[in-house]
Amino acid sequence: MSDDAADTGDESSGKSKLPIIIGTVLALLGAGGGFYATYSGMLGGVIPGEEKSAEAPEAKSVIPEATTDVAFIEIDPMVVSVGALDSGTHLRFRAQLEVPDKYEAEVSKVMPRIVGVLNGYLRAVELSDIQETGALLRLRSQMLRRVKVVAGEDRVRDLLVMEFVVS
């Protein structure tokens, strides 16, 4: 009877260690794969043998090289009611459009239409949409998409949000 009890005790302790061993092995394999991917340059890490020397050029900046032919067109500031009309919550919004110099006049010409599209979009946004994490990034991309539809895909490079205040 005592032998049977000892056998079942050994089996249960062996079964409980198996998931821990499998998890450890998988974690080590994942860590090794991640290290290899970074070290080999697949994830943008340091490429072996390419250390930065004194003669090497500086790392590329995030500013585009062709910044001399850029114009910024200011969009008229807007105050839009958000949510229910009786809530009294308003959104103050101010932005600028980054456009190539050669299209500045064309984009300025359709500015009333751009303001109308943005005004309509911002009025349709719910208060809960604004309060979510990452809401400004999502709203900005939606507004840029709408502006590009109105002004032309190649006419507008970016929409720069200068003020986005809910009060």
N, C-alpha and C. Protein backbone atom coordinates (compact mmCIF):
# COMPACT_ATOMS: atom_id res chain seq x y z
N MET A 1 0.82 -1.18 0.00
CA MET A 1 0.00 0.00 0.00
C MET A 1 0.87 1.25 0.00
N SER A 2 1.92 1.24 0.79
CA SER A 2 2.80 2.39 0.82
C SER A 2 3.57 2.52 -0.50
N ASP A 3 3.85 1.42 -1.19
CA ASP A 3 4.52 1.49 -2.49
C ASP A 3 3.63 2.15 -3.54
N ASP A 4 2.33 1.83 -3.49
CA ASP A 4 1.41 2.43 -4.45
C ASP A 4 1.30 3.94 -4.24
N ALA A 5 1.31 4.35 -2.99
CA ALA A 5 1.20 5.78 -2.68
C ALA A 5 2.46 6.51 -3.15
N ALA A 6 3.62 5.88 -2.99
CA ALA A 6 4.86 6.50 -3.42
C ALA A 6 4.92 6.62 -4.94
N ASP A 7 4.39 5.61 -5.67
CA ASP A 7 4.41 5.65 -7.13
C ASP A 7 3.53 6.77 -7.65
N THR A 8 2.35 6.96 -7.11
CA THR A 8 1.46 8.02 -7.58
C THR A 8 2.03 9.40 -7.24
N GLY A 9 2.74 9.52 -6.14
CA GLY A 9 3.35 10.79 -5.76
C GLY A 9 4.45 11.17 -6.72
N ASP A 10 5.24 10.20 -7.17
CA ASP A 10 6.32 10.49 -8.12
C ASP A 10 5.76 10.90 -9.49
N GLU A 11 4.69 10.26 -9.92
CA GLU A 11 4.09 10.58 -11.22
C GLU A 11 3.52 11.99 -11.22
N SER A 12 2.86 12.40 -10.15
CA SER A 12 2.25 13.72 -10.12
C SER A 12 3.31 14.82 -10.09
N SER A 13 4.43 14.57 -9.40
CA SER A 13 5.48 15.59 -9.37
C SER A 13 6.19 15.66 -10.72
N GLY A 14 6.30 14.57 -11.46
CA GLY A 14 6.91 14.55 -12.78
C GLY A 14 6.04 15.27 -13.80
N LYS A 15 4.73 15.12 -13.71
CA LYS A 15 3.83 15.79 -14.63
C LYS A 15 3.82 17.29 -14.41
N SER A 16 3.94 17.75 -13.19
CA SER A 16 3.88 19.18 -12.92
C SER A 16 5.16 19.89 -13.36
N LYS A 17 6.26 19.20 -13.49
CA LYS A 17 7.51 19.82 -13.93
C LYS A 17 7.60 19.92 -15.45
N LEU A 18 6.86 19.12 -16.17
CA LEU A 18 6.94 19.10 -17.62
C LEU A 18 6.56 20.45 -18.24
N PRO A 19 5.47 21.11 -17.85
CA PRO A 19 5.17 22.42 -18.43
C PRO A 19 6.24 23.48 -18.12
N ILE A 20 6.83 23.40 -16.96
CA ILE A 20 7.88 24.35 -16.59
C ILE A 20 9.11 24.14 -17.47
N ILE A 21 9.47 22.89 -17.70
CA ILE A 21 10.63 22.58 -18.54
C ILE A 21 10.37 23.02 -19.98
N ILE A 22 9.18 22.72 -20.50
CA ILE A 22 8.83 23.12 -21.87
C ILE A 22 8.83 24.64 -21.99
N GLY A 23 8.26 25.33 -21.02
CA GLY A 23 8.23 26.79 -21.04
C GLY A 23 9.61 27.39 -21.00
N THR A 24 10.50 26.83 -20.20
CA THR A 24 11.87 27.33 -20.11
C THR A 24 12.61 27.13 -21.43
N VAL A 25 12.46 25.95 -22.02
CA VAL A 25 13.12 25.68 -23.30
C VAL A 25 12.61 26.63 -24.38
N LEU A 26 11.29 26.84 -24.45
CA LEU A 26 10.73 27.75 -25.44
C LEU A 26 11.18 29.19 -25.21
N ALA A 27 11.28 29.61 -23.96
CA ALA A 27 11.74 30.96 -23.65
C ALA A 27 13.19 31.15 -24.08
N LEU A 28 14.03 30.14 -23.84
CA LEU A 28 15.43 30.23 -24.26
C LEU A 28 15.56 30.26 -25.78
N LEU A 29 14.75 29.46 -26.46
CA LEU A 29 14.77 29.46 -27.92
C LEU A 29 14.31 30.82 -28.47
N GLY A 30 13.27 31.39 -27.88
CA GLY A 30 12.78 32.70 -28.30
C GLY A 30 13.81 33.80 -28.05
N ALA A 31 14.46 33.75 -26.89
CA ALA A 31 15.49 34.75 -26.59
C ALA A 31 16.66 34.62 -27.56
N GLY A 32 17.06 33.39 -27.85
CA GLY A 32 18.16 33.18 -28.80
C GLY A 32 17.78 33.65 -30.19
N GLY A 33 16.56 33.37 -30.62
CA GLY A 33 16.10 33.82 -31.93
C GLY A 33 16.03 35.34 -32.01
N GLY A 34 15.57 35.97 -30.95
CA GLY A 34 15.51 37.43 -30.91
C GLY A 34 16.89 38.06 -30.96
N PHE A 35 17.83 37.47 -30.23
CA PHE A 35 19.20 37.97 -30.26
C PHE A 35 19.78 37.84 -31.65
N TYR A 36 19.58 36.69 -32.28
CA TYR A 36 20.13 36.46 -33.62
C TYR A 36 19.52 37.44 -34.63
N ALA A 37 18.20 37.64 -34.54
CA ALA A 37 17.54 38.54 -35.48
C ALA A 37 18.06 39.97 -35.32
N THR A 38 18.29 40.41 -34.11
CA THR A 38 18.80 41.75 -33.87
C THR A 38 20.26 41.85 -34.28
N TYR A 39 21.05 40.89 -33.92
CA TYR A 39 22.48 40.90 -34.21
C TYR A 39 22.74 40.81 -35.71
N SER A 40 21.95 40.04 -36.42
CA SER A 40 22.17 39.87 -37.85
C SER A 40 21.65 41.06 -38.66
N GLY A 41 20.91 41.96 -38.03
CA GLY A 41 20.43 43.15 -38.71
C GLY A 41 19.02 43.03 -39.24
N MET A 42 18.35 41.92 -39.02
CA MET A 42 16.99 41.75 -39.52
C MET A 42 16.02 42.71 -38.84
N LEU A 43 16.32 43.13 -37.62
CA LEU A 43 15.42 44.03 -36.89
C LEU A 43 16.01 45.43 -36.75
N GLY A 44 16.97 45.78 -37.55
CA GLY A 44 17.52 47.12 -37.51
C GLY A 44 18.54 47.34 -36.42
N GLY A 45 19.12 46.30 -35.90
CA GLY A 45 20.15 46.43 -34.88
C GLY A 45 21.49 46.78 -35.51
N VAL A 46 22.54 46.67 -34.74
CA VAL A 46 23.89 46.96 -35.22
C VAL A 46 24.32 45.83 -36.15
N ILE A 47 24.83 46.19 -37.30
CA ILE A 47 25.31 45.19 -38.25
C ILE A 47 26.74 44.84 -37.86
N PRO A 48 27.05 43.56 -37.71
CA PRO A 48 28.39 43.17 -37.29
C PRO A 48 29.44 43.69 -38.28
N GLY A 49 30.54 44.21 -37.74
CA GLY A 49 31.63 44.70 -38.56
C GLY A 49 31.42 46.12 -39.06
N GLU A 50 30.32 46.75 -38.73
CA GLU A 50 30.05 48.12 -39.17
C GLU A 50 29.95 49.04 -37.97
N GLU A 51 31.00 49.11 -37.20
CA GLU A 51 31.01 50.03 -36.07
C GLU A 51 31.19 51.44 -36.61
N LYS A 52 30.70 52.40 -35.90
CA LYS A 52 30.77 53.78 -36.34
C LYS A 52 32.19 54.29 -36.13
N SER A 53 32.80 54.77 -37.19
CA SER A 53 34.15 55.32 -37.09
C SER A 53 34.08 56.84 -37.12
N ALA A 54 35.24 57.47 -36.91
CA ALA A 54 35.29 58.93 -36.90
C ALA A 54 35.00 59.49 -38.29
N GLU A 55 35.31 58.73 -39.35
CA GLU A 55 35.10 59.21 -40.70
C GLU A 55 33.72 58.88 -41.23
N ALA A 56 32.99 58.05 -40.52
CA ALA A 56 31.68 57.64 -40.99
C ALA A 56 30.71 58.81 -40.88
N PRO A 57 29.80 58.94 -41.83
CA PRO A 57 28.81 60.03 -41.74
C PRO A 57 27.86 59.80 -40.57
N GLU A 58 27.26 60.89 -40.13
CA GLU A 58 26.31 60.80 -39.02
C GLU A 58 25.10 59.98 -39.44
N ALA A 59 24.38 59.47 -38.46
CA ALA A 59 23.17 58.70 -38.74
C ALA A 59 22.14 59.61 -39.39
N LYS A 60 21.32 59.03 -40.24
CA LYS A 60 20.29 59.82 -40.92
C LYS A 60 19.29 60.34 -39.92
N SER A 61 18.88 61.58 -40.09
CA SER A 61 17.88 62.15 -39.20
C SER A 61 16.50 61.83 -39.73
N VAL A 62 15.50 62.09 -38.93
CA VAL A 62 14.13 61.82 -39.33
C VAL A 62 13.55 62.93 -40.19
N ILE A 63 14.29 64.02 -40.36
CA ILE A 63 13.84 65.13 -41.19
C ILE A 63 14.13 64.78 -42.64
N PRO A 64 13.15 64.87 -43.51
CA PRO A 64 13.39 64.56 -44.92
C PRO A 64 14.44 65.48 -45.52
N GLU A 65 15.17 64.96 -46.49
CA GLU A 65 16.23 65.74 -47.12
C GLU A 65 15.67 66.95 -47.87
N ALA A 66 14.54 66.81 -48.50
CA ALA A 66 13.98 67.89 -49.32
C ALA A 66 13.06 68.77 -48.50
N THR A 67 13.62 69.44 -47.49
CA THR A 67 12.81 70.33 -46.65
C THR A 67 12.83 71.76 -47.16
N THR A 68 13.62 72.03 -48.18
CA THR A 68 13.68 73.40 -48.68
C THR A 68 12.49 73.75 -49.55
N ASP A 69 11.84 72.75 -50.11
CA ASP A 69 10.69 73.03 -50.99
C ASP A 69 9.37 72.76 -50.29
N VAL A 70 9.32 73.07 -49.00
CA VAL A 70 8.12 72.81 -48.20
C VAL A 70 7.48 74.12 -47.79
N ALA A 71 6.16 74.14 -47.84
CA ALA A 71 5.40 75.29 -47.35
C ALA A 71 4.39 74.78 -46.31
N PHE A 72 4.11 75.62 -45.34
CA PHE A 72 3.13 75.28 -44.32
C PHE A 72 1.95 76.23 -44.45
N ILE A 73 0.78 75.64 -44.61
CA ILE A 73 -0.44 76.43 -44.75
C ILE A 73 -1.27 76.24 -43.49
N GLU A 74 -1.57 77.34 -42.83
CA GLU A 74 -2.34 77.26 -41.59
C GLU A 74 -3.83 77.08 -41.89
N ILE A 75 -4.43 76.16 -41.16
CA ILE A 75 -5.87 75.95 -41.23
C ILE A 75 -6.49 76.83 -40.16
N ASP A 76 -7.56 77.51 -40.50
CA ASP A 76 -8.23 78.38 -39.53
C ASP A 76 -8.58 77.57 -38.28
N PRO A 77 -8.36 78.16 -37.08
CA PRO A 77 -8.72 77.46 -35.85
C PRO A 77 -10.21 77.14 -35.80
N MET A 78 -10.54 76.01 -35.21
CA MET A 78 -11.94 75.57 -35.12
C MET A 78 -12.30 75.29 -33.67
N VAL A 79 -13.54 75.56 -33.33
CA VAL A 79 -14.11 75.15 -32.05
C VAL A 79 -15.34 74.33 -32.41
N VAL A 80 -15.33 73.07 -32.01
CA VAL A 80 -16.38 72.13 -32.41
C VAL A 80 -17.00 71.53 -31.15
N SER A 81 -18.35 71.46 -31.12
CA SER A 81 -19.01 70.79 -30.00
C SER A 81 -18.85 69.29 -30.18
N VAL A 82 -18.54 68.62 -29.08
CA VAL A 82 -18.30 67.18 -29.11
C VAL A 82 -19.35 66.49 -28.25
N GLY A 83 -19.86 65.39 -28.73
CA GLY A 83 -20.86 64.64 -27.98
C GLY A 83 -22.23 65.27 -28.15
N ALA A 84 -23.08 65.09 -27.14
CA ALA A 84 -24.43 65.63 -27.18
C ALA A 84 -24.38 67.16 -27.16
N LEU A 85 -25.34 67.77 -27.82
CA LEU A 85 -25.34 69.23 -27.91
C LEU A 85 -25.48 69.90 -26.55
N ASP A 86 -26.17 69.25 -25.62
CA ASP A 86 -26.36 69.85 -24.29
C ASP A 86 -25.23 69.53 -23.33
N SER A 87 -24.19 68.82 -23.78
CA SER A 87 -23.10 68.44 -22.87
C SER A 87 -22.18 69.61 -22.57
N GLY A 88 -22.07 70.56 -23.48
CA GLY A 88 -21.20 71.71 -23.25
C GLY A 88 -19.72 71.41 -23.44
N THR A 89 -19.38 70.28 -24.01
CA THR A 89 -17.99 69.92 -24.24
C THR A 89 -17.58 70.38 -25.63
N HIS A 90 -16.46 71.07 -25.69
CA HIS A 90 -15.98 71.60 -26.96
C HIS A 90 -14.55 71.15 -27.23
N LEU A 91 -14.21 71.10 -28.49
CA LEU A 91 -12.86 70.77 -28.94
C LEU A 91 -12.30 71.97 -29.68
N ARG A 92 -11.16 72.47 -29.18
CA ARG A 92 -10.44 73.53 -29.89
C ARG A 92 -9.37 72.85 -30.73
N PHE A 93 -9.39 73.11 -32.03
CA PHE A 93 -8.49 72.44 -32.96
C PHE A 93 -7.81 73.46 -33.85
N ARG A 94 -6.50 73.34 -33.96
CA ARG A 94 -5.70 74.19 -34.85
C ARG A 94 -4.64 73.33 -35.47
N ALA A 95 -4.42 73.48 -36.79
CA ALA A 95 -3.46 72.64 -37.49
C ALA A 95 -2.86 73.39 -38.67
N GLN A 96 -1.81 72.78 -39.24
CA GLN A 96 -1.17 73.29 -40.45
C GLN A 96 -0.97 72.13 -41.41
N LEU A 97 -0.99 72.44 -42.69
CA LEU A 97 -0.74 71.45 -43.72
C LEU A 97 0.68 71.63 -44.26
N GLU A 98 1.40 70.53 -44.37
CA GLU A 98 2.71 70.56 -44.99
C GLU A 98 2.54 70.19 -46.46
N VAL A 99 2.88 71.12 -47.34
CA VAL A 99 2.69 70.90 -48.78
C VAL A 99 3.98 71.25 -49.52
N PRO A 100 4.22 70.64 -50.68
CA PRO A 100 5.34 71.07 -51.51
C PRO A 100 5.11 72.50 -51.99
N ASP A 101 6.20 73.27 -52.12
CA ASP A 101 6.09 74.68 -52.54
C ASP A 101 5.27 74.85 -53.81
N LYS A 102 5.47 73.98 -54.76
CA LYS A 102 4.82 74.16 -56.05
C LYS A 102 3.30 74.00 -55.99
N TYR A 103 2.78 73.38 -54.91
CA TYR A 103 1.33 73.19 -54.79
C TYR A 103 0.69 74.10 -53.76
N GLU A 104 1.45 75.04 -53.20
CA GLU A 104 0.92 75.89 -52.13
C GLU A 104 -0.31 76.68 -52.59
N ALA A 105 -0.25 77.27 -53.77
CA ALA A 105 -1.37 78.07 -54.26
C ALA A 105 -2.60 77.20 -54.52
N GLU A 106 -2.40 76.00 -55.07
CA GLU A 106 -3.52 75.10 -55.36
C GLU A 106 -4.22 74.65 -54.09
N VAL A 107 -3.42 74.31 -53.06
CA VAL A 107 -4.02 73.84 -51.80
C VAL A 107 -4.71 75.01 -51.09
N SER A 108 -4.12 76.20 -51.14
CA SER A 108 -4.76 77.37 -50.52
C SER A 108 -6.09 77.68 -51.18
N LYS A 109 -6.19 77.41 -52.47
CA LYS A 109 -7.42 77.68 -53.21
C LYS A 109 -8.58 76.80 -52.75
N VAL A 110 -8.29 75.56 -52.32
CA VAL A 110 -9.35 74.64 -51.87
C VAL A 110 -9.46 74.60 -50.34
N MET A 111 -8.85 75.58 -49.67
CA MET A 111 -8.87 75.59 -48.20
C MET A 111 -10.29 75.62 -47.62
N PRO A 112 -11.25 76.36 -48.17
CA PRO A 112 -12.61 76.30 -47.61
C PRO A 112 -13.19 74.88 -47.63
N ARG A 113 -12.90 74.14 -48.67
CA ARG A 113 -13.39 72.77 -48.75
C ARG A 113 -12.69 71.87 -47.71
N ILE A 114 -11.39 72.11 -47.50
CA ILE A 114 -10.64 71.34 -46.49
C ILE A 114 -11.19 71.62 -45.11
N VAL A 115 -11.45 72.90 -44.81
CA VAL A 115 -12.01 73.26 -43.50
C VAL A 115 -13.37 72.62 -43.32
N GLY A 116 -14.18 72.60 -44.37
CA GLY A 116 -15.50 71.99 -44.29
C GLY A 116 -15.43 70.49 -44.03
N VAL A 117 -14.50 69.80 -44.68
CA VAL A 117 -14.35 68.36 -44.47
C VAL A 117 -13.88 68.06 -43.05
N LEU A 118 -12.91 68.84 -42.56
CA LEU A 118 -12.41 68.62 -41.20
C LEU A 118 -13.47 68.95 -40.16
N ASN A 119 -14.22 70.03 -40.40
CA ASN A 119 -15.28 70.42 -39.49
C ASN A 119 -16.34 69.32 -39.40
N GLY A 120 -16.74 68.78 -40.53
CA GLY A 120 -17.73 67.70 -40.54
C GLY A 120 -17.22 66.45 -39.84
N TYR A 121 -15.96 66.12 -40.06
CA TYR A 121 -15.39 64.92 -39.42
C TYR A 121 -15.31 65.11 -37.90
N LEU A 122 -14.81 66.26 -37.46
CA LEU A 122 -14.64 66.48 -36.02
C LEU A 122 -15.99 66.55 -35.30
N ARG A 123 -17.02 67.04 -35.96
CA ARG A 123 -18.36 67.07 -35.34
C ARG A 123 -18.94 65.67 -35.18
N ALA A 124 -18.52 64.74 -36.03
CA ALA A 124 -19.03 63.37 -35.95
C ALA A 124 -18.29 62.52 -34.93
N VAL A 125 -17.17 63.00 -34.44
CA VAL A 125 -16.37 62.24 -33.47
C VAL A 125 -17.04 62.27 -32.10
N GLU A 126 -17.10 61.13 -31.46
CA GLU A 126 -17.68 61.02 -30.12
C GLU A 126 -16.62 61.38 -29.07
N LEU A 127 -17.07 61.80 -27.90
CA LEU A 127 -16.17 62.15 -26.81
C LEU A 127 -15.35 60.93 -26.38
N SER A 128 -15.95 59.74 -26.40
CA SER A 128 -15.22 58.53 -26.01
C SER A 128 -14.09 58.22 -27.00
N ASP A 129 -14.27 58.60 -28.28
CA ASP A 129 -13.22 58.40 -29.27
C ASP A 129 -12.01 59.27 -28.98
N ILE A 130 -12.24 60.47 -28.48
CA ILE A 130 -11.15 61.40 -28.18
C ILE A 130 -10.40 60.98 -26.93
N GLN A 131 -11.08 60.36 -25.98
CA GLN A 131 -10.47 60.02 -24.71
C GLN A 131 -9.68 58.72 -24.74
N GLU A 132 -9.77 57.95 -25.81
CA GLU A 132 -9.04 56.69 -25.90
C GLU A 132 -7.55 56.94 -26.01
N THR A 133 -6.76 55.93 -25.63
CA THR A 133 -5.32 56.00 -25.78
C THR A 133 -4.98 55.99 -27.27
N GLY A 134 -4.12 56.87 -27.69
CA GLY A 134 -3.72 56.94 -29.08
C GLY A 134 -4.77 57.57 -29.99
N ALA A 135 -5.72 58.26 -29.40
CA ALA A 135 -6.81 58.85 -30.19
C ALA A 135 -6.30 59.92 -31.14
N LEU A 136 -5.37 60.75 -30.69
CA LEU A 136 -4.89 61.84 -31.54
C LEU A 136 -4.21 61.30 -32.79
N LEU A 137 -3.44 60.24 -32.65
CA LEU A 137 -2.77 59.64 -33.81
C LEU A 137 -3.79 59.10 -34.81
N ARG A 138 -4.81 58.43 -34.32
CA ARG A 138 -5.84 57.88 -35.20
C ARG A 138 -6.66 58.99 -35.86
N LEU A 139 -7.04 60.00 -35.08
CA LEU A 139 -7.80 61.12 -35.63
C LEU A 139 -6.98 61.89 -36.66
N ARG A 140 -5.70 62.09 -36.38
CA ARG A 140 -4.84 62.80 -37.31
C ARG A 140 -4.72 62.07 -38.64
N SER A 141 -4.57 60.76 -38.58
CA SER A 141 -4.45 59.99 -39.83
C SER A 141 -5.77 60.02 -40.61
N GLN A 142 -6.90 59.98 -39.92
CA GLN A 142 -8.19 60.08 -40.59
C GLN A 142 -8.38 61.44 -41.24
N MET A 143 -7.97 62.50 -40.53
CA MET A 143 -8.11 63.84 -41.10
C MET A 143 -7.18 64.02 -42.29
N LEU A 144 -5.95 63.51 -42.20
CA LEU A 144 -5.01 63.62 -43.31
C LEU A 144 -5.54 62.90 -44.54
N ARG A 145 -6.14 61.74 -44.33
CA ARG A 145 -6.71 60.99 -45.45
C ARG A 145 -7.80 61.81 -46.13
N ARG A 146 -8.65 62.45 -45.35
CA ARG A 146 -9.73 63.25 -45.92
C ARG A 146 -9.20 64.49 -46.65
N VAL A 147 -8.17 65.12 -46.09
CA VAL A 147 -7.57 66.29 -46.72
C VAL A 147 -6.94 65.89 -48.06
N LYS A 148 -6.29 64.73 -48.09
CA LYS A 148 -5.67 64.28 -49.34
C LYS A 148 -6.71 63.97 -50.41
N VAL A 149 -7.88 63.51 -50.00
CA VAL A 149 -8.95 63.26 -50.96
C VAL A 149 -9.42 64.58 -51.58
N VAL A 150 -9.53 65.61 -50.76
CA VAL A 150 -10.01 66.91 -51.24
C VAL A 150 -8.94 67.63 -52.06
N ALA A 151 -7.70 67.69 -51.55
CA ALA A 151 -6.66 68.49 -52.18
C ALA A 151 -5.89 67.74 -53.25
N GLY A 152 -5.86 66.44 -53.17
CA GLY A 152 -5.05 65.65 -54.10
C GLY A 152 -4.00 64.88 -53.32
N GLU A 153 -3.80 63.64 -53.67
CA GLU A 153 -2.91 62.75 -52.92
C GLU A 153 -1.48 63.29 -52.83
N ASP A 154 -0.96 63.82 -53.94
CA ASP A 154 0.42 64.29 -53.95
C ASP A 154 0.56 65.75 -53.54
N ARG A 155 -0.53 66.41 -53.24
CA ARG A 155 -0.51 67.84 -52.91
C ARG A 155 -0.20 68.10 -51.43
N VAL A 156 -0.56 67.18 -50.56
CA VAL A 156 -0.39 67.37 -49.12
C VAL A 156 0.49 66.26 -48.57
N ARG A 157 1.56 66.67 -47.88
CA ARG A 157 2.47 65.68 -47.28
C ARG A 157 2.02 65.24 -45.90
N ASP A 158 1.61 66.22 -45.08
CA ASP A 158 1.30 65.89 -43.69
C ASP A 158 0.35 66.91 -43.11
N LEU A 159 -0.32 66.51 -42.04
CA LEU A 159 -1.18 67.40 -41.27
C LEU A 159 -0.55 67.51 -39.89
N LEU A 160 -0.17 68.70 -39.51
CA LEU A 160 0.49 68.93 -38.23
C LEU A 160 -0.51 69.53 -37.26
N VAL A 161 -0.81 68.82 -36.19
CA VAL A 161 -1.78 69.28 -35.20
C VAL A 161 -1.05 70.22 -34.24
N MET A 162 -1.50 71.46 -34.18
CA MET A 162 -0.87 72.47 -33.33
C MET A 162 -1.59 72.60 -31.99
N GLU A 163 -2.91 72.39 -32.00
CA GLU A 163 -3.70 72.52 -30.78
C GLU A 163 -4.86 71.54 -30.86
N PHE A 164 -5.05 70.79 -29.78
CA PHE A 164 -6.13 69.80 -29.70
C PHE A 164 -6.56 69.74 -28.24
N VAL A 165 -7.48 70.61 -27.87
CA VAL A 165 -7.86 70.76 -26.47
C VAL A 165 -9.35 70.52 -26.31
N VAL A 166 -9.70 69.60 -25.41
CA VAL A 166 -11.10 69.34 -25.08
C VAL A 166 -11.41 70.06 -23.79
N SER A 167 -12.47 70.89 -23.82
CA SER A 167 -12.84 71.63 -22.59
C SER A 167 -14.33 71.60 -22.42
